[in-house]
Amino acid sequence: MNKKILIGTFGAMIINDEATQGYYLVKWITEPCTVQEDTVMKGVEPQHSAFAGEKICDAVFWNQLPNAIDWYTPMSKREGLVMIRLSMY
């Protein structure tokens, strides 16, 4: 999995939200890593934990521009920083 996520590239976080196209666009800002001990995930509401042994990666959300299809703009790192739990399907 680490070979597919590179700092500065983009990914999609699949969600169940009818106000979106079914995903959030994110830009990876760290390399994926395995959590060594349980930790509270940054930028996740409601609050969740990543458990020891799970793979995570830090990212910044990009917002879809209103009235535009497939156009996005980055949130500031302060507002848009999120820790994403990675999984393989």
PDB file of N, CA and C in Angstrom:
ATOM      1  N   MET A   1       0.818  -1.187   0.000  1.00  0.00           N
ATOM      2  CA  MET A   1       0.000   0.000   0.000  1.00  0.00           C
ATOM      3  C   MET A   1       0.863   1.254   0.000  1.00  0.00           C
ATOM      4  N   ASN A   2       1.977   1.246   0.686  1.00  0.00           N
ATOM      5  CA  ASN A   2       2.820   2.437   0.746  1.00  0.00           C
ATOM      6  C   ASN A   2       3.293   2.881  -0.630  1.00  0.00           C
ATOM      7  N   LYS A   3       3.373   1.973  -1.578  1.00  0.00           N
ATOM      8  CA  LYS A   3       3.844   2.319  -2.916  1.00  0.00           C
ATOM      9  C   LYS A   3       2.800   3.112  -3.698  1.00  0.00           C
ATOM     10  N   LYS A   4       1.550   3.087  -3.265  1.00  0.00           N
ATOM     11  CA  LYS A   4       0.485   3.760  -3.985  1.00  0.00           C
ATOM     12  C   LYS A   4       0.212   5.166  -3.456  1.00  0.00           C
ATOM     13  N   ILE A   5       0.606   5.474  -2.248  1.00  0.00           N
ATOM     14  CA  ILE A   5       0.378   6.792  -1.666  1.00  0.00           C
ATOM     15  C   ILE A   5       1.706   7.519  -1.572  1.00  0.00           C
ATOM     16  N   LEU A   6       1.783   8.647  -2.266  1.00  0.00           N
ATOM     17  CA  LEU A   6       2.990   9.465  -2.264  1.00  0.00           C
ATOM     18  C   LEU A   6       2.638  10.864  -1.778  1.00  0.00           C
ATOM     19  N   ILE A   7       3.524  11.458  -0.993  1.00  0.00           N
ATOM     20  CA  ILE A   7       3.302  12.817  -0.516  1.00  0.00           C
ATOM     21  C   ILE A   7       3.092  13.735  -1.716  1.00  0.00           C
ATOM     22  N   GLY A   8       2.055  14.577  -1.619  1.00  0.00           N
ATOM     23  CA  GLY A   8       1.762  15.528  -2.689  1.00  0.00           C
ATOM     24  C   GLY A   8       0.800  15.021  -3.742  1.00  0.00           C
ATOM     25  N   THR A   9       0.453  13.727  -3.678  1.00  0.00           N
ATOM     26  CA  THR A   9      -0.532  13.197  -4.620  1.00  0.00           C
ATOM     27  C   THR A   9      -1.907  13.203  -3.968  1.00  0.00           C
ATOM     28  N   PHE A  10      -2.915  12.818  -4.709  1.00  0.00           N
ATOM     29  CA  PHE A  10      -4.295  12.915  -4.235  1.00  0.00           C
ATOM     30  C   PHE A  10      -4.938  11.553  -4.094  1.00  0.00           C
ATOM     31  N   GLY A  11      -5.964  11.519  -3.248  1.00  0.00           N
ATOM     32  CA  GLY A  11      -6.741  10.312  -3.054  1.00  0.00           C
ATOM     33  C   GLY A  11      -8.181  10.683  -2.779  1.00  0.00           C
ATOM     34  N   ALA A  12      -9.029   9.685  -2.687  1.00  0.00           N
ATOM     35  CA  ALA A  12     -10.443   9.902  -2.397  1.00  0.00           C
ATOM     36  C   ALA A  12     -10.815   9.122  -1.149  1.00  0.00           C
ATOM     37  N   MET A  13     -11.537   9.788  -0.259  1.00  0.00           N
ATOM     38  CA  MET A  13     -12.042   9.155   0.946  1.00  0.00           C
ATOM     39  C   MET A  13     -13.531   8.921   0.724  1.00  0.00           C
ATOM     40  N   ILE A  14     -13.924   7.676   0.569  1.00  0.00           N
ATOM     41  CA  ILE A  14     -15.308   7.335   0.275  1.00  0.00           C
ATOM     42  C   ILE A  14     -16.181   7.629   1.493  1.00  0.00           C
ATOM     43  N   ILE A  15     -17.316   8.286   1.236  1.00  0.00           N
ATOM     44  CA  ILE A  15     -18.240   8.657   2.316  1.00  0.00           C
ATOM     45  C   ILE A  15     -19.666   8.372   1.882  1.00  0.00           C
ATOM     46  N   ASN A  16     -20.563   8.461   2.839  1.00  0.00           N
ATOM     47  CA  ASN A  16     -21.981   8.279   2.565  1.00  0.00           C
ATOM     48  C   ASN A  16     -22.675   9.609   2.844  1.00  0.00           C
ATOM     49  N   ASP A  17     -22.539  10.562   1.906  1.00  0.00           N
ATOM     50  CA  ASP A  17     -23.068  11.908   2.073  1.00  0.00           C
ATOM     51  C   ASP A  17     -23.658  12.355   0.739  1.00  0.00           C
ATOM     52  N   GLU A  18     -24.982  12.508   0.697  1.00  0.00           N
ATOM     53  CA  GLU A  18     -25.648  12.865  -0.557  1.00  0.00           C
ATOM     54  C   GLU A  18     -25.299  14.270  -1.036  1.00  0.00           C
ATOM     55  N   ALA A  19     -24.727  15.108  -0.172  1.00  0.00           N
ATOM     56  CA  ALA A  19     -24.347  16.466  -0.564  1.00  0.00           C
ATOM     57  C   ALA A  19     -23.057  16.467  -1.382  1.00  0.00           C
ATOM     58  N   THR A  20     -22.407  15.315  -1.503  1.00  0.00           N
ATOM     59  CA  THR A  20     -21.159  15.198  -2.266  1.00  0.00           C
ATOM     60  C   THR A  20     -21.351  14.184  -3.388  1.00  0.00           C
ATOM     61  N   GLN A  21     -20.295  13.939  -4.118  1.00  0.00           N
ATOM     62  CA  GLN A  21     -20.326  12.914  -5.165  1.00  0.00           C
ATOM     63  C   GLN A  21     -20.011  11.532  -4.595  1.00  0.00           C
ATOM     64  N   GLY A  22     -20.040  11.402  -3.267  1.00  0.00           N
ATOM     65  CA  GLY A  22     -19.789  10.115  -2.615  1.00  0.00           C
ATOM     66  C   GLY A  22     -18.365   9.957  -2.115  1.00  0.00           C
ATOM     67  N   TYR A  23     -17.597  11.035  -2.188  1.00  0.00           N
ATOM     68  CA  TYR A  23     -16.222  10.984  -1.690  1.00  0.00           C
ATOM     69  C   TYR A  23     -15.739  12.393  -1.350  1.00  0.00           C
ATOM     70  N   TYR A  24     -14.695  12.442  -0.531  1.00  0.00           N
ATOM     71  CA  TYR A  24     -13.962  13.681  -0.280  1.00  0.00           C
ATOM     72  C   TYR A  24     -12.610  13.546  -0.956  1.00  0.00           C
ATOM     73  N   LEU A  25     -12.157  14.593  -1.578  1.00  0.00           N
ATOM     74  CA  LEU A  25     -10.838  14.606  -2.199  1.00  0.00           C
ATOM     75  C   LEU A  25      -9.821  15.047  -1.146  1.00  0.00           C
ATOM     76  N   VAL A  26      -8.697  14.331  -1.046  1.00  0.00           N
ATOM     77  CA  VAL A  26      -7.654  14.662  -0.083  1.00  0.00           C
ATOM     78  C   VAL A  26      -6.294  14.679  -0.777  1.00  0.00           C
ATOM     79  N   LYS A  27      -5.383  15.473  -0.226  1.00  0.00           N
ATOM     80  CA  LYS A  27      -4.000  15.499  -0.688  1.00  0.00           C
ATOM     81  C   LYS A  27      -3.140  14.921   0.435  1.00  0.00           C
ATOM     82  N   TRP A  28      -2.378  13.889   0.124  1.00  0.00           N
ATOM     83  CA  TRP A  28      -1.546  13.216   1.117  1.00  0.00           C
ATOM     84  C   TRP A  28      -0.386  14.129   1.523  1.00  0.00           C
ATOM     85  N   ILE A  29      -0.159  14.287   2.836  1.00  0.00           N
ATOM     86  CA  ILE A  29       0.932  15.146   3.310  1.00  0.00           C
ATOM     87  C   ILE A  29       1.975  14.378   4.118  1.00  0.00           C
ATOM     88  N   THR A  30       1.719  13.107   4.375  1.00  0.00           N
ATOM     89  CA  THR A  30       2.718  12.242   5.008  1.00  0.00           C
ATOM     90  C   THR A  30       2.699  10.904   4.283  1.00  0.00           C
ATOM     91  N   GLU A  31       3.715  10.120   4.517  1.00  0.00           N
ATOM     92  CA  GLU A  31       3.714   8.752   4.012  1.00  0.00           C
ATOM     93  C   GLU A  31       2.873   7.897   4.947  1.00  0.00           C
ATOM     94  N   PRO A  32       2.247   6.840   4.438  1.00  0.00           N
ATOM     95  CA  PRO A  32       1.485   5.944   5.301  1.00  0.00           C
ATOM     96  C   PRO A  32       2.399   5.329   6.358  1.00  0.00           C
ATOM     97  N   CYS A  33       1.811   5.057   7.519  1.00  0.00           N
ATOM     98  CA  CYS A  33       2.572   4.392   8.577  1.00  0.00           C
ATOM     99  C   CYS A  33       1.638   3.490   9.362  1.00  0.00           C
ATOM    100  N   THR A  34       2.219   2.596  10.117  1.00  0.00           N
ATOM    101  CA  THR A  34       1.453   1.701  10.982  1.00  0.00           C
ATOM    102  C   THR A  34       1.457   2.280  12.390  1.00  0.00           C
ATOM    103  N   VAL A  35       0.271   2.392  12.967  1.00  0.00           N
ATOM    104  CA  VAL A  35       0.130   2.951  14.318  1.00  0.00           C
ATOM    105  C   VAL A  35       0.757   1.978  15.314  1.00  0.00           C
ATOM    106  N   GLN A  36       1.635   2.488  16.175  1.00  0.00           N
ATOM    107  CA  GLN A  36       2.323   1.646  17.151  1.00  0.00           C
ATOM    108  C   GLN A  36       1.517   1.473  18.436  1.00  0.00           C
ATOM    109  N   GLU A  37       0.704   2.475  18.758  1.00  0.00           N
ATOM    110  CA  GLU A  37      -0.176   2.386  19.926  1.00  0.00           C
ATOM    111  C   GLU A  37      -1.464   3.132  19.604  1.00  0.00           C
ATOM    112  N   ASP A  38      -2.536   2.776  20.291  1.00  0.00           N
ATOM    113  CA  ASP A  38      -3.816   3.414  20.032  1.00  0.00           C
ATOM    114  C   ASP A  38      -3.659   4.931  20.114  1.00  0.00           C
ATOM    115  N   THR A  39      -4.268   5.648  19.146  1.00  0.00           N
ATOM    116  CA  THR A  39      -4.153   7.099  19.104  1.00  0.00           C
ATOM    117  C   THR A  39      -5.458   7.711  18.602  1.00  0.00           C
ATOM    118  N   VAL A  40      -5.779   8.890  19.109  1.00  0.00           N
ATOM    119  CA  VAL A  40      -6.970   9.604  18.653  1.00  0.00           C
ATOM    120  C   VAL A  40      -6.677  10.180  17.273  1.00  0.00           C
ATOM    121  N   MET A  41      -7.592   9.985  16.350  1.00  0.00           N
ATOM    122  CA  MET A  41      -7.402  10.445  14.977  1.00  0.00           C
ATOM    123  C   MET A  41      -7.670  11.941  14.880  1.00  0.00           C
ATOM    124  N   LYS A  42      -6.786  12.667  14.201  1.00  0.00           N
ATOM    125  CA  LYS A  42      -6.920  14.117  14.022  1.00  0.00           C
ATOM    126  C   LYS A  42      -7.979  14.432  12.978  1.00  0.00           C
ATOM    127  N   GLY A  43      -8.766  15.468  13.242  1.00  0.00           N
ATOM    128  CA  GLY A  43      -9.690  15.988  12.245  1.00  0.00           C
ATOM    129  C   GLY A  43     -10.891  15.125  11.945  1.00  0.00           C
ATOM    130  N   VAL A  44     -11.209  14.183  12.809  1.00  0.00           N
ATOM    131  CA  VAL A  44     -12.326  13.266  12.564  1.00  0.00           C
ATOM    132  C   VAL A  44     -13.433  13.553  13.575  1.00  0.00           C
ATOM    133  N   GLU A  45     -14.640  13.809  13.072  1.00  0.00           N
ATOM    134  CA  GLU A  45     -15.809  14.033  13.921  1.00  0.00           C
ATOM    135  C   GLU A  45     -16.901  13.052  13.527  1.00  0.00           C
ATOM    136  N   PRO A  46     -17.526  12.327  14.427  1.00  0.00           N
ATOM    137  CA  PRO A  46     -17.182  12.258  15.836  1.00  0.00           C
ATOM    138  C   PRO A  46     -15.809  11.608  16.018  1.00  0.00           C
ATOM    139  N   GLN A  47     -15.244  11.817  17.179  1.00  0.00           N
ATOM    140  CA  GLN A  47     -13.884  11.368  17.446  1.00  0.00           C
ATOM    141  C   GLN A  47     -13.762   9.844  17.341  1.00  0.00           C
ATOM    142  N   HIS A  48     -12.712   9.397  16.663  1.00  0.00           N
ATOM    143  CA  HIS A  48     -12.418   7.971  16.497  1.00  0.00           C
ATOM    144  C   HIS A  48     -10.969   7.734  16.897  1.00  0.00           C
ATOM    145  N   SER A  49     -10.641   6.467  17.112  1.00  0.00           N
ATOM    146  CA  SER A  49      -9.265   6.096  17.401  1.00  0.00           C
ATOM    147  C   SER A  49      -8.733   5.183  16.312  1.00  0.00           C
ATOM    148  N   ALA A  50      -7.449   5.299  16.061  1.00  0.00           N
ATOM    149  CA  ALA A  50      -6.735   4.332  15.231  1.00  0.00           C
ATOM    150  C   ALA A  50      -6.049   3.399  16.221  1.00  0.00           C
ATOM    151  N   PHE A  51      -6.155   2.117  15.982  1.00  0.00           N
ATOM    152  CA  PHE A  51      -5.630   1.144  16.929  1.00  0.00           C
ATOM    153  C   PHE A  51      -4.290   0.589  16.464  1.00  0.00           C
ATOM    154  N   ALA A  52      -3.487   0.170  17.427  1.00  0.00           N
ATOM    155  CA  ALA A  52      -2.164  -0.375  17.138  1.00  0.00           C
ATOM    156  C   ALA A  52      -2.266  -1.412  16.026  1.00  0.00           C
ATOM    157  N   GLY A  53      -1.392  -1.274  15.020  1.00  0.00           N
ATOM    158  CA  GLY A  53      -1.362  -2.198  13.899  1.00  0.00           C
ATOM    159  C   GLY A  53      -2.106  -1.701  12.669  1.00  0.00           C
ATOM    160  N   GLU A  54      -2.951  -0.670  12.825  1.00  0.00           N
ATOM    161  CA  GLU A  54      -3.678  -0.138  11.669  1.00  0.00           C
ATOM    162  C   GLU A  54      -2.789   0.822  10.889  1.00  0.00           C
ATOM    163  N   LYS A  55      -3.037   0.913   9.579  1.00  0.00           N
ATOM    164  CA  LYS A  55      -2.285   1.851   8.729  1.00  0.00           C
ATOM    165  C   LYS A  55      -3.072   3.149   8.630  1.00  0.00           C
ATOM    166  N   ILE A  56      -2.339   4.272   8.749  1.00  0.00           N
ATOM    167  CA  ILE A  56      -2.943   5.595   8.657  1.00  0.00           C
ATOM    168  C   ILE A  56      -2.079   6.496   7.774  1.00  0.00           C
ATOM    169  N   CYS A  57      -2.658   7.631   7.377  1.00  0.00           N
ATOM    170  CA  CYS A  57      -1.920   8.616   6.620  1.00  0.00           C
ATOM    171  C   CYS A  57      -2.566   9.976   6.863  1.00  0.00           C
ATOM    172  N   ASP A  58      -1.752  11.023   6.998  1.00  0.00           N
ATOM    173  CA  ASP A  58      -2.270  12.378   7.172  1.00  0.00           C
ATOM    174  C   ASP A  58      -2.537  12.998   5.815  1.00  0.00           C
ATOM    175  N   ALA A  59      -3.613  13.784   5.748  1.00  0.00           N
ATOM    176  CA  ALA A  59      -4.015  14.414   4.497  1.00  0.00           C
ATOM    177  C   ALA A  59      -4.679  15.754   4.788  1.00  0.00           C
ATOM    178  N   VAL A  60      -4.885  16.541   3.729  1.00  0.00           N
ATOM    179  CA  VAL A  60      -5.625  17.800   3.812  1.00  0.00           C
ATOM    180  C   VAL A  60      -6.816  17.682   2.873  1.00  0.00           C
ATOM    181  N   PHE A  61      -8.002  18.035   3.399  1.00  0.00           N
ATOM    182  CA  PHE A  61      -9.215  18.019   2.579  1.00  0.00           C
ATOM    183  C   PHE A  61      -9.175  19.089   1.501  1.00  0.00           C
ATOM    184  N   TRP A  62      -9.762  18.782   0.362  1.00  0.00           N
ATOM    185  CA  TRP A  62     -10.014  19.760  -0.700  1.00  0.00           C
ATOM    186  C   TRP A  62     -11.527  19.860  -0.842  1.00  0.00           C
ATOM    187  N   ASN A  63     -12.058  21.095  -0.907  1.00  0.00           N
ATOM    188  CA  ASN A  63     -13.494  21.325  -1.035  1.00  0.00           C
ATOM    189  C   ASN A  63     -13.902  21.452  -2.492  1.00  0.00           C
ATOM    190  N   GLN A  64     -15.075  20.912  -2.803  1.00  0.00           N
ATOM    191  CA  GLN A  64     -15.624  21.087  -4.147  1.00  0.00           C
ATOM    192  C   GLN A  64     -16.113  22.530  -4.268  1.00  0.00           C
ATOM    193  N   LEU A  65     -15.807  23.156  -5.385  1.00  0.00           N
ATOM    194  CA  LEU A  65     -16.270  24.521  -5.621  1.00  0.00           C
ATOM    195  C   LEU A  65     -17.764  24.511  -5.909  1.00  0.00           C
ATOM    196  N   PRO A  66     -18.501  25.464  -5.321  1.00  0.00           N
ATOM    197  CA  PRO A  66     -19.945  25.527  -5.574  1.00  0.00           C
ATOM    198  C   PRO A  66     -20.219  25.756  -7.066  1.00  0.00           C
ATOM    199  N   ASN A  67     -21.263  25.129  -7.550  1.00  0.00           N
ATOM    200  CA  ASN A  67     -21.715  25.288  -8.938  1.00  0.00           C
ATOM    201  C   ASN A  67     -20.665  24.876  -9.965  1.00  0.00           C
ATOM    202  N   ALA A  68     -19.747  24.011  -9.579  1.00  0.00           N
ATOM    203  CA  ALA A  68     -18.714  23.537 -10.506  1.00  0.00           C
ATOM    204  C   ALA A  68     -18.622  22.016 -10.397  1.00  0.00           C
ATOM    205  N   ILE A  69     -18.396  21.367 -11.509  1.00  0.00           N
ATOM    206  CA  ILE A  69     -18.261  19.917 -11.510  1.00  0.00           C
ATOM    207  C   ILE A  69     -16.778  19.573 -11.576  1.00  0.00           C
ATOM    208  N   ASP A  70     -16.336  18.770 -10.623  1.00  0.00           N
ATOM    209  CA  ASP A  70     -14.959  18.279 -10.569  1.00  0.00           C
ATOM    210  C   ASP A  70     -13.908  19.382 -10.425  1.00  0.00           C
ATOM    211  N   TRP A  71     -14.254  20.496  -9.780  1.00  0.00           N
ATOM    212  CA  TRP A  71     -13.296  21.550  -9.460  1.00  0.00           C
ATOM    213  C   TRP A  71     -13.201  21.635  -7.943  1.00  0.00           C
ATOM    214  N   TYR A  72     -11.973  21.634  -7.430  1.00  0.00           N
ATOM    215  CA  TYR A  72     -11.749  21.625  -5.987  1.00  0.00           C
ATOM    216  C   TYR A  72     -10.718  22.678  -5.599  1.00  0.00           C
ATOM    217  N   THR A  73     -10.771  23.081  -4.319  1.00  0.00           N
ATOM    218  CA  THR A  73      -9.805  24.022  -3.776  1.00  0.00           C
ATOM    219  C   THR A  73      -9.360  23.516  -2.405  1.00  0.00           C
ATOM    220  N   PRO A  74      -8.094  23.699  -2.033  1.00  0.00           N
ATOM    221  CA  PRO A  74      -7.622  23.151  -0.760  1.00  0.00           C
ATOM    222  C   PRO A  74      -8.119  23.944   0.438  1.00  0.00           C
ATOM    223  N   MET A  75      -8.368  23.229   1.521  1.00  0.00           N
ATOM    224  CA  MET A  75      -8.616  23.880   2.810  1.00  0.00           C
ATOM    225  C   MET A  75      -7.260  24.199   3.408  1.00  0.00           C
ATOM    226  N   SER A  76      -7.216  25.115   4.345  1.00  0.00           N
ATOM    227  CA  SER A  76      -5.951  25.379   5.030  1.00  0.00           C
ATOM    228  C   SER A  76      -5.594  24.154   5.861  1.00  0.00           C
ATOM    229  N   LYS A  77      -4.302  23.941   6.115  1.00  0.00           N
ATOM    230  CA  LYS A  77      -3.890  22.788   6.922  1.00  0.00           C
ATOM    231  C   LYS A  77      -4.517  22.855   8.310  1.00  0.00           C
ATOM    232  N   ARG A  78      -4.686  24.054   8.813  1.00  0.00           N
ATOM    233  CA  ARG A  78      -5.266  24.210  10.152  1.00  0.00           C
ATOM    234  C   ARG A  78      -6.702  23.687  10.195  1.00  0.00           C
ATOM    235  N   GLU A  79      -7.476  23.964   9.154  1.00  0.00           N
ATOM    236  CA  GLU A  79      -8.877  23.541   9.125  1.00  0.00           C
ATOM    237  C   GLU A  79      -9.068  22.163   8.515  1.00  0.00           C
ATOM    238  N   GLY A  80      -8.267  21.818   7.529  1.00  0.00           N
ATOM    239  CA  GLY A  80      -8.527  20.616   6.751  1.00  0.00           C
ATOM    240  C   GLY A  80      -7.674  19.411   7.063  1.00  0.00           C
ATOM    241  N   LEU A  81      -6.809  19.506   8.078  1.00  0.00           N
ATOM    242  CA  LEU A  81      -5.930  18.383   8.398  1.00  0.00           C
ATOM    243  C   LEU A  81      -6.738  17.218   8.954  1.00  0.00           C
ATOM    244  N   VAL A  82      -6.515  16.044   8.414  1.00  0.00           N
ATOM    245  CA  VAL A  82      -7.234  14.862   8.849  1.00  0.00           C
ATOM    246  C   VAL A  82      -6.306  13.647   8.804  1.00  0.00           C
ATOM    247  N   MET A  83      -6.508  12.731   9.731  1.00  0.00           N
ATOM    248  CA  MET A  83      -5.796  11.458   9.743  1.00  0.00           C
ATOM    249  C   MET A  83      -6.760  10.418   9.170  1.00  0.00           C
ATOM    250  N   ILE A  84      -6.341   9.719   8.154  1.00  0.00           N
ATOM    251  CA  ILE A  84      -7.208   8.763   7.483  1.00  0.00           C
ATOM    252  C   ILE A  84      -6.728   7.339   7.740  1.00  0.00           C
ATOM    253  N   ARG A  85      -7.675   6.493   8.150  1.00  0.00           N
ATOM    254  CA  ARG A  85      -7.385   5.073   8.325  1.00  0.00           C
ATOM    255  C   ARG A  85      -7.419   4.442   6.937  1.00  0.00           C
ATOM    256  N   LEU A  86      -6.375   3.729   6.592  1.00  0.00           N
ATOM    257  CA  LEU A  86      -6.283   3.112   5.268  1.00  0.00           C
ATOM    258  C   LEU A  86      -6.758   1.671   5.346  1.00  0.00           C
ATOM    259  N   SER A  87      -7.445   1.248   4.309  1.00  0.00           N
ATOM    260  CA  SER A  87      -7.867  -0.153   4.230  1.00  0.00           C
ATOM    261  C   SER A  87      -7.819  -0.584   2.774  1.00  0.00           C
ATOM    262  N   MET A  88      -7.726  -1.861   2.573  1.00  0.00           N
ATOM    263  CA  MET A  88      -7.682  -2.402   1.207  1.00  0.00           C
ATOM    264  C   MET A  88      -8.967  -3.196   0.982  1.00  0.00           C
ATOM    265  N   TYR A  89      -9.545  -2.998  -0.184  1.00  0.00           N
ATOM    266  CA  TYR A  89     -10.768  -3.723  -0.531  1.00  0.00           C
ATOM    267  C   TYR A  89     -10.468  -4.679  -1.647  1.00  0.00           C
TER     268      TYR A  89
END
